[in-house]
Amino acid sequence: MSRSLYSDHASGDTAAAGHLSDRAFLDAVLEFERALADAAEDTGHISPAAAAAAREAIDGYTYDVADIAAASAAGANPAIPLAAALKQRATDTSGIHTGATSQDAIDTALALCARRAVGEIDRVLSEVEKLLEQLARTHRDTPVMGRTLGQQALPTSFGLITAGWFEGVRSSAARLRETAAALPVQYAGATGNLVATHPDGIAVHDRLAQLLGLADRPLVWHTNRQPFVDVGLAAAVVAGAVRKIAGDIIAYSATEIAEVAEGSPGGSSSMPHKANPAAAVACDGYARRTPGLAATLLDTLDCRWQRGTGSWHAEWQTLRDLLAATASAVSRIHTSLDGLQIRTDTMGERVAHDNLGHAPEITDIILEGDRS
């Protein structure tokens, strides 16, 4: 379950990572258990006394992450020792883990963590969009040499280049928000038929979704892993969009080109003359991790019978690491763009003519596109 402390902190913004830590994950399992007691009481499936006993046990429970991790080995997931500890504390156990299976708790907890992390990623993406829009408007008519297949091509505008960056971020961010908003609650019981809470099971499920602010459909997705794959792939596309920007900034910053420079470049331990585009380089490094993680999530779609054997277990760290890597890439591209120096004189020296074609108009069309 453990995640990378260095990787999170080196990104400069740990807000998203804070929702993806082991403790956040386990806290979300307890959040599920408490909301389940409330939902079961609200629908009349358990008594107010049983719900009160459950809440008292959950609210007063403290745990050690390392202890839970060690105890998880026996059942292959952390919800089992957590539920056992709560039942041990409760004076009435009928309100603890009512009608649930461990996958219900784990999936719902991961959905909560993912949605909260995406909220933080989206916050920074909004700032990235603002920086890119400002660059595009400022340099709408700034001529720069276009380059294709590694060679100089024809002139274009730097505004159109940055508008292209903006468009990639805007569209991928919208898809990430959409998939996060669609993350559902999981509550279906041991084999997905809610038999343990019949005839109240569906009512409990829907009330639980309402209490946790998660979608209530699909009703059962124990072996339908598309909700997590969707949000993971959307995050990987965001990482790809900002990696494109990072790659261009690195290329434009090369000594032989020197058309842009980061506002606070990085140095070298052995070459004091260097001014490295360190934030863009770090963005590239974080983003490069996401395709492999996304591929692992795609592999989890092979989820057999009524419970995944290994495929489900592979999701927990993979999705959290993918979202954390995306958050770090987004944070680093924000740092790279904030204060980015545009050397218009150097750009102009390489342009043989200033006929930009429709570049300024295309820039306007991109910037004024649908932002919903």
Protein backbone atom coordinates (compact mmCIF):
# COMPACT_ATOMS: atom_id res chain seq x y z
CA MET A 1 0.00 0.00 0.00
CA SER A 2 2.90 2.36 0.60
CA ARG A 3 3.47 5.35 -1.67
CA SER A 4 6.52 7.51 -2.48
CA LEU A 5 7.14 10.36 -0.06
CA TYR A 6 10.04 11.79 -2.10
CA SER A 7 8.10 11.76 -5.35
CA ASP A 8 5.16 13.57 -3.77
CA HIS A 9 7.18 16.27 -2.05
CA ALA A 10 9.56 16.86 -4.97
CA SER A 11 6.57 17.92 -7.06
CA GLY A 12 6.15 21.07 -4.96
CA ASP A 13 2.42 20.63 -4.32
CA THR A 14 1.32 17.75 -2.09
CA ALA A 15 -2.39 18.57 -1.89
CA ALA A 16 -3.46 15.77 -4.25
CA ALA A 17 -0.95 13.33 -2.79
CA GLY A 18 -2.43 13.96 0.65
CA HIS A 19 -5.69 12.37 -0.54
CA LEU A 20 -3.80 9.35 -1.90
CA SER A 21 -1.71 8.37 1.12
CA ASP A 22 -2.13 5.12 2.99
CA ARG A 23 -3.72 6.98 5.89
CA ALA A 24 -6.16 8.80 3.62
CA PHE A 25 -7.10 5.47 2.07
CA LEU A 26 -7.73 3.80 5.44
CA ASP A 27 -9.59 6.85 6.73
CA ALA A 28 -11.86 6.59 3.69
CA VAL A 29 -12.60 2.95 4.56
CA LEU A 30 -13.75 4.12 7.98
CA GLU A 31 -15.75 6.90 6.32
CA PHE A 32 -17.53 4.22 4.29
CA GLU A 33 -18.29 2.19 7.41
CA ARG A 34 -19.74 5.18 9.24
CA ALA A 35 -21.86 6.27 6.30
CA LEU A 36 -23.09 2.69 5.89
CA ALA A 37 -24.34 2.65 9.48
CA ASP A 38 -26.15 5.94 8.82
CA ALA A 39 -27.64 4.66 5.54
CA ALA A 40 -28.80 1.41 7.15
CA GLU A 41 -30.47 3.37 9.94
CA ASP A 42 -32.04 5.91 7.57
CA THR A 43 -33.64 3.13 5.53
CA GLY A 44 -34.86 1.25 8.59
CA HIS A 45 -32.63 -1.75 8.08
CA ILE A 46 -30.97 -1.40 11.51
CA SER A 47 -32.18 0.19 14.71
CA PRO A 48 -31.08 3.64 15.91
CA ALA A 49 -29.35 1.93 18.83
CA ALA A 50 -27.31 -0.31 16.53
CA ALA A 51 -26.35 2.69 14.39
CA ALA A 52 -25.35 4.69 17.46
CA ALA A 53 -23.18 1.80 18.68
CA ALA A 54 -21.50 1.63 15.28
CA ARG A 55 -20.81 5.37 15.19
CA GLU A 56 -19.37 5.27 18.69
CA ALA A 57 -17.04 2.40 17.75
CA ILE A 58 -15.89 4.07 14.54
CA ASP A 59 -15.47 7.59 15.90
CA GLY A 60 -13.39 6.40 18.84
CA TYR A 61 -11.18 4.08 16.83
CA THR A 62 -7.52 4.88 16.20
CA TYR A 63 -5.16 2.71 14.19
CA ASP A 64 -1.53 2.34 13.27
CA VAL A 65 -0.92 2.18 9.51
CA ALA A 66 1.92 -0.32 9.86
CA ASP A 67 -0.18 -2.58 12.08
CA ILE A 68 -3.08 -2.56 9.62
CA ALA A 69 -0.71 -3.26 6.75
CA ALA A 70 0.72 -6.26 8.57
CA ALA A 71 -2.73 -7.54 9.55
CA SER A 72 -3.92 -7.19 5.94
CA ALA A 73 -1.69 -10.02 4.76
CA ALA A 74 -3.98 -12.76 6.05
CA GLY A 75 -7.02 -11.68 4.04
CA ALA A 76 -5.15 -9.80 1.28
CA ASN A 77 -6.87 -6.47 1.97
CA PRO A 78 -7.00 -3.88 4.77
CA ALA A 79 -10.79 -3.71 5.11
CA ILE A 80 -10.88 -7.08 6.84
CA PRO A 81 -8.78 -6.16 9.91
CA LEU A 82 -10.44 -2.73 10.10
CA ALA A 83 -13.95 -4.24 10.16
CA ALA A 84 -12.83 -6.84 12.72
CA ALA A 85 -11.40 -4.14 14.97
CA LEU A 86 -14.62 -2.13 14.79
CA LYS A 87 -16.75 -5.14 15.66
CA GLN A 88 -14.51 -5.81 18.62
CA ARG A 89 -15.15 -2.30 19.90
CA ALA A 90 -18.90 -2.14 19.27
CA THR A 91 -21.42 -3.04 21.95
CA ASP A 92 -23.82 -4.04 19.14
CA THR A 93 -22.14 -5.37 15.98
CA SER A 94 -25.24 -5.38 13.77
CA GLY A 95 -24.47 -1.84 12.65
CA ILE A 96 -20.86 -2.57 11.65
CA HIS A 97 -20.14 -3.47 8.01
CA THR A 98 -23.85 -4.21 7.54
CA GLY A 99 -24.41 -6.41 4.49
CA ALA A 100 -21.07 -5.36 3.03
CA THR A 101 -18.10 -7.24 1.68
CA SER A 102 -14.52 -6.03 1.93
CA GLN A 103 -14.51 -5.00 -1.73
CA ASP A 104 -17.39 -2.64 -1.04
CA ALA A 105 -15.29 -0.80 1.53
CA ILE A 106 -12.09 -0.79 -0.55
CA ASP A 107 -13.68 0.31 -3.82
CA THR A 108 -15.70 3.07 -2.18
CA ALA A 109 -12.67 4.30 -0.26
CA LEU A 110 -10.59 4.39 -3.43
CA ALA A 111 -13.37 6.26 -5.24
CA LEU A 112 -13.44 8.88 -2.47
CA CYS A 113 -9.65 9.28 -2.52
CA ALA A 114 -9.56 9.51 -6.30
CA ARG A 115 -12.33 12.09 -6.54
CA ARG A 116 -10.67 14.30 -3.92
CA ALA A 117 -7.27 14.01 -5.57
CA VAL A 118 -8.77 14.92 -8.94
CA GLY A 119 -10.30 18.01 -7.34
CA GLU A 120 -6.81 19.18 -6.38
CA ILE A 121 -5.38 18.30 -9.79
CA ASP A 122 -8.17 20.25 -11.44
CA ARG A 123 -7.48 23.27 -9.25
CA VAL A 124 -3.89 23.45 -10.52
CA LEU A 125 -4.96 22.69 -14.08
CA SER A 126 -7.21 25.74 -13.96
CA GLU A 127 -4.18 27.86 -13.08
CA VAL A 128 -2.20 26.25 -15.89
CA GLU A 129 -5.00 27.11 -18.31
CA LYS A 130 -4.91 30.75 -17.19
CA LEU A 131 -1.14 30.95 -17.71
CA LEU A 132 -1.44 29.40 -21.16
CA GLU A 133 -4.31 31.66 -22.18
CA GLN A 134 -2.32 34.70 -21.10
CA LEU A 135 0.70 33.54 -23.11
CA ALA A 136 -1.46 32.88 -26.17
CA ARG A 137 -3.13 36.30 -26.04
CA THR A 138 0.12 38.14 -25.34
CA HIS A 139 1.94 36.44 -28.21
CA ARG A 140 -0.94 36.18 -30.65
CA ASP A 141 1.12 38.07 -33.25
CA THR A 142 4.62 37.09 -32.15
CA PRO A 143 6.40 35.43 -35.08
CA VAL A 144 8.45 32.33 -34.41
CA MET A 145 9.95 29.75 -36.69
CA GLY A 146 7.85 26.64 -36.97
CA ARG A 147 9.70 23.34 -36.78
CA THR A 148 8.64 20.00 -38.23
CA LEU A 149 10.53 16.70 -38.13
CA GLY A 150 13.33 18.44 -36.25
CA GLN A 151 13.92 21.05 -38.94
CA GLN A 152 12.89 24.67 -39.50
CA ALA A 153 9.68 24.86 -41.50
CA LEU A 154 7.64 28.06 -42.02
CA PRO A 155 6.89 30.89 -39.60
CA THR A 156 3.95 30.66 -37.23
CA SER A 157 3.00 32.59 -34.11
CA PHE A 158 4.07 31.72 -30.60
CA GLY A 159 0.49 32.51 -29.61
CA LEU A 160 -0.78 29.67 -31.79
CA ILE A 161 1.77 27.30 -30.29
CA THR A 162 0.68 28.12 -26.74
CA ALA A 163 -2.99 28.03 -27.78
CA GLY A 164 -2.37 24.46 -28.88
CA TRP A 165 -0.92 23.70 -25.47
CA PHE A 166 -3.99 25.32 -23.90
CA GLU A 167 -6.39 23.27 -26.01
CA GLY A 168 -4.76 20.01 -24.98
CA VAL A 169 -4.94 20.89 -21.29
CA ARG A 170 -8.49 22.16 -21.49
CA SER A 171 -9.92 19.09 -23.23
CA SER A 172 -8.05 16.55 -21.09
CA ALA A 173 -8.96 18.38 -17.88
CA ALA A 174 -12.64 18.32 -18.84
CA ARG A 175 -12.51 14.57 -19.39
CA LEU A 176 -10.76 14.01 -16.05
CA ARG A 177 -13.46 16.02 -14.25
CA GLU A 178 -16.17 14.03 -16.01
CA THR A 179 -14.77 10.63 -15.09
CA ALA A 180 -14.16 11.66 -11.47
CA ALA A 181 -17.72 12.94 -11.13
CA ALA A 182 -18.97 9.56 -12.38
CA LEU A 183 -17.11 7.51 -9.73
CA PRO A 184 -19.74 5.37 -7.98
CA VAL A 185 -20.29 3.95 -4.55
CA GLN A 186 -19.72 0.21 -4.20
CA TYR A 187 -22.16 -1.68 -2.00
CA ALA A 188 -23.42 -5.03 -3.20
CA GLY A 189 -22.41 -7.67 -0.68
CA ALA A 190 -20.49 -10.92 -0.98
CA THR A 191 -21.60 -11.96 -4.47
CA GLY A 192 -23.11 -8.70 -5.70
CA ASN A 193 -26.78 -9.48 -5.06
CA LEU A 194 -27.32 -7.62 -1.75
CA VAL A 195 -28.83 -10.74 -0.23
CA ALA A 196 -27.61 -9.85 3.27
CA THR A 197 -29.73 -6.69 3.35
CA HIS A 198 -32.76 -7.95 1.42
CA PRO A 199 -35.31 -6.40 1.01
CA ASP A 200 -33.67 -3.07 1.89
CA GLY A 201 -30.40 -3.50 0.02
CA ILE A 202 -30.95 -1.21 -2.95
CA ALA A 203 -32.40 1.50 -0.72
CA VAL A 204 -29.35 1.25 1.57
CA HIS A 205 -27.07 1.39 -1.48
CA ASP A 206 -28.68 4.51 -2.89
CA ARG A 207 -28.75 6.28 0.47
CA LEU A 208 -25.08 5.41 0.99
CA ALA A 209 -24.21 6.95 -2.38
CA GLN A 210 -26.12 10.07 -1.42
CA LEU A 211 -24.37 10.40 1.94
CA LEU A 212 -20.91 10.00 0.40
CA GLY A 213 -21.58 12.19 -2.63
CA LEU A 214 -20.80 9.40 -5.10
CA ALA A 215 -22.74 8.20 -8.13
CA ASP A 216 -25.34 5.49 -7.47
CA ARG A 217 -24.90 3.64 -10.76
CA PRO A 218 -23.63 1.21 -11.85
CA LEU A 219 -25.39 -0.61 -9.05
CA VAL A 220 -22.81 -3.42 -8.86
CA TRP A 221 -19.32 -3.10 -10.34
CA HIS A 222 -17.33 -5.70 -8.43
CA THR A 223 -16.06 -7.13 -11.72
CA ASN A 224 -16.78 -4.15 -13.94
CA ARG A 225 -13.63 -2.09 -13.37
CA GLN A 226 -14.38 0.55 -15.97
CA PRO A 227 -15.03 3.41 -13.48
CA PHE A 228 -11.45 3.28 -12.18
CA VAL A 229 -9.97 2.59 -15.60
CA ASP A 230 -11.84 5.59 -17.01
CA VAL A 231 -10.50 8.02 -14.42
CA GLY A 232 -7.02 6.52 -14.61
CA LEU A 233 -6.83 6.80 -18.39
CA ALA A 234 -8.16 10.35 -18.22
CA ALA A 235 -5.41 11.22 -15.75
CA ALA A 236 -2.80 9.68 -18.04
CA VAL A 237 -4.06 11.82 -20.92
CA VAL A 238 -3.73 14.93 -18.72
CA ALA A 239 -0.17 13.88 -17.95
CA GLY A 240 0.46 13.48 -21.65
CA ALA A 241 -0.94 16.93 -22.39
CA VAL A 242 1.37 18.65 -19.91
CA ARG A 243 4.31 16.49 -20.96
CA LYS A 244 3.86 17.84 -24.50
CA ILE A 245 4.27 21.35 -23.12
CA ALA A 246 7.28 20.33 -21.04
CA GLY A 247 8.97 18.77 -24.05
CA ASP A 248 8.51 21.91 -26.12
CA ILE A 249 9.82 24.14 -23.34
CA ILE A 250 12.88 21.92 -22.96
CA ALA A 251 13.52 22.11 -26.71
CA TYR A 252 12.95 25.88 -26.93
CA SER A 253 15.28 26.33 -23.94
CA ALA A 254 18.21 24.52 -25.55
CA THR A 255 21.36 26.66 -25.69
CA GLU A 256 21.42 26.63 -29.51
CA ILE A 257 17.79 27.82 -29.71
CA ALA A 258 17.25 29.83 -26.50
CA GLU A 259 13.84 31.17 -27.46
CA VAL A 260 12.32 30.61 -24.00
CA ALA A 261 13.72 30.23 -20.49
CA GLU A 262 12.16 29.28 -17.19
CA GLY A 263 11.89 32.10 -14.69
CA SER A 264 13.73 30.11 -12.03
CA PRO A 265 15.92 27.62 -13.89
CA GLY A 266 17.83 24.85 -12.19
CA GLY A 267 21.58 24.72 -11.86
CA SER A 268 24.19 22.01 -12.22
CA SER A 269 26.46 20.45 -9.61
CA SER A 270 29.44 20.58 -11.96
CA MET A 271 28.65 23.15 -14.71
CA PRO A 272 27.86 26.59 -13.28
CA HIS A 273 27.06 28.06 -16.70
CA LYS A 274 23.92 25.94 -17.10
CA ALA A 275 20.35 27.17 -16.58
CA ASN A 276 18.32 24.00 -16.86
CA PRO A 277 14.54 24.03 -17.45
CA ALA A 278 14.32 21.94 -14.30
CA ALA A 279 10.57 22.19 -13.72
CA ALA A 280 9.80 21.10 -17.29
CA VAL A 281 12.29 18.25 -16.98
CA ALA A 282 10.62 17.10 -13.74
CA CYS A 283 7.19 17.34 -15.37
CA ASP A 284 8.43 15.11 -18.17
CA GLY A 285 9.79 12.63 -15.64
CA TYR A 286 6.56 12.35 -13.68
CA ALA A 287 4.40 12.13 -16.81
CA ARG A 288 6.51 9.33 -18.29
CA ARG A 289 5.38 7.04 -15.49
CA THR A 290 1.70 7.28 -16.35
CA PRO A 291 1.45 5.17 -19.56
CA GLY A 292 2.79 2.08 -17.77
CA LEU A 293 0.46 2.61 -14.82
CA ALA A 294 -2.46 3.13 -17.21
CA ALA A 295 -1.57 -0.14 -18.95
CA THR A 296 -1.71 -1.96 -15.60
CA LEU A 297 -5.19 -0.53 -14.99
CA LEU A 298 -6.33 -1.75 -18.41
CA ASP A 299 -5.08 -5.21 -17.46
CA THR A 300 -7.34 -5.19 -14.39
CA LEU A 301 -10.40 -5.30 -16.67
CA ASP A 302 -9.80 -9.07 -16.75
CA CYS A 303 -11.71 -9.61 -13.51
CA ARG A 304 -12.95 -13.18 -13.20
CA TRP A 305 -16.15 -14.59 -11.74
CA GLN A 306 -17.59 -12.47 -8.91
CA ARG A 307 -14.30 -11.18 -7.46
CA GLY A 308 -10.98 -10.32 -9.08
CA THR A 309 -8.08 -12.59 -8.18
CA GLY A 310 -5.08 -10.29 -8.19
CA SER A 311 -6.52 -7.97 -10.84
CA TRP A 312 -8.56 -6.11 -8.21
CA HIS A 313 -5.65 -6.01 -5.78
CA ALA A 314 -3.41 -4.49 -8.46
CA GLU A 315 -5.62 -1.41 -8.67
CA TRP A 316 -5.12 0.07 -5.21
CA GLN A 317 -1.59 1.36 -5.54
CA THR A 318 -1.66 1.66 -9.33
CA LEU A 319 -4.53 4.15 -9.44
CA ARG A 320 -3.16 6.16 -6.52
CA ASP A 321 0.32 6.28 -8.05
CA LEU A 322 -1.09 7.27 -11.44
CA LEU A 323 -3.09 10.14 -9.97
CA ALA A 324 -0.14 11.24 -7.84
CA ALA A 325 2.24 11.19 -10.82
CA THR A 326 -0.27 13.20 -12.85
CA ALA A 327 -0.68 15.70 -10.02
CA SER A 328 3.09 16.07 -9.79
CA ALA A 329 3.45 16.57 -13.54
CA VAL A 330 0.72 19.23 -13.47
CA SER A 331 2.37 20.97 -10.52
CA ARG A 332 5.75 21.04 -12.25
CA ILE A 333 4.37 22.39 -15.54
CA HIS A 334 2.65 25.14 -13.57
CA THR A 335 6.01 26.09 -12.05
CA SER A 336 7.66 25.99 -15.48
CA LEU A 337 5.05 28.24 -17.07
CA ASP A 338 4.79 30.70 -14.19
CA GLY A 339 7.27 33.41 -15.13
CA LEU A 340 8.35 31.73 -18.37
CA GLN A 341 10.56 34.16 -20.31
CA ILE A 342 9.72 34.52 -24.00
CA ARG A 343 12.66 35.85 -26.00
CA THR A 344 10.83 37.49 -28.84
CA ASP A 345 13.98 39.12 -30.29
CA THR A 346 15.66 35.75 -30.66
CA MET A 347 12.51 34.34 -32.24
CA GLY A 348 12.29 37.24 -34.67
CA GLU A 349 15.90 36.92 -35.81
CA ARG A 350 15.17 33.48 -37.25
CA VAL A 351 12.03 34.43 -39.15
CA ALA A 352 12.59 35.20 -42.84
CA HIS A 353 9.19 36.90 -43.22
CA ASP A 354 6.33 37.86 -40.95
CA ASN A 355 3.45 36.33 -42.89
CA LEU A 356 1.77 34.29 -40.17
CA GLY A 357 -1.15 33.19 -42.32
CA HIS A 358 -4.21 32.59 -40.17
CA ALA A 359 -2.24 31.84 -37.00
CA PRO A 360 -3.66 34.80 -35.00
CA GLU A 361 -7.22 34.00 -36.04
CA ILE A 362 -6.83 30.30 -35.23
CA THR A 363 -5.45 31.30 -31.83
CA ASP A 364 -8.59 33.36 -31.19
CA ILE A 365 -10.86 30.48 -32.24
CA ILE A 366 -9.10 28.07 -29.87
CA LEU A 367 -9.20 30.45 -26.93
CA GLU A 368 -12.85 31.31 -27.40
CA GLY A 369 -13.94 27.67 -27.74
CA ASP A 370 -16.49 25.91 -25.55
CA ARG A 371 -15.05 25.68 -21.99
CA SER A 372 -17.94 23.75 -20.44
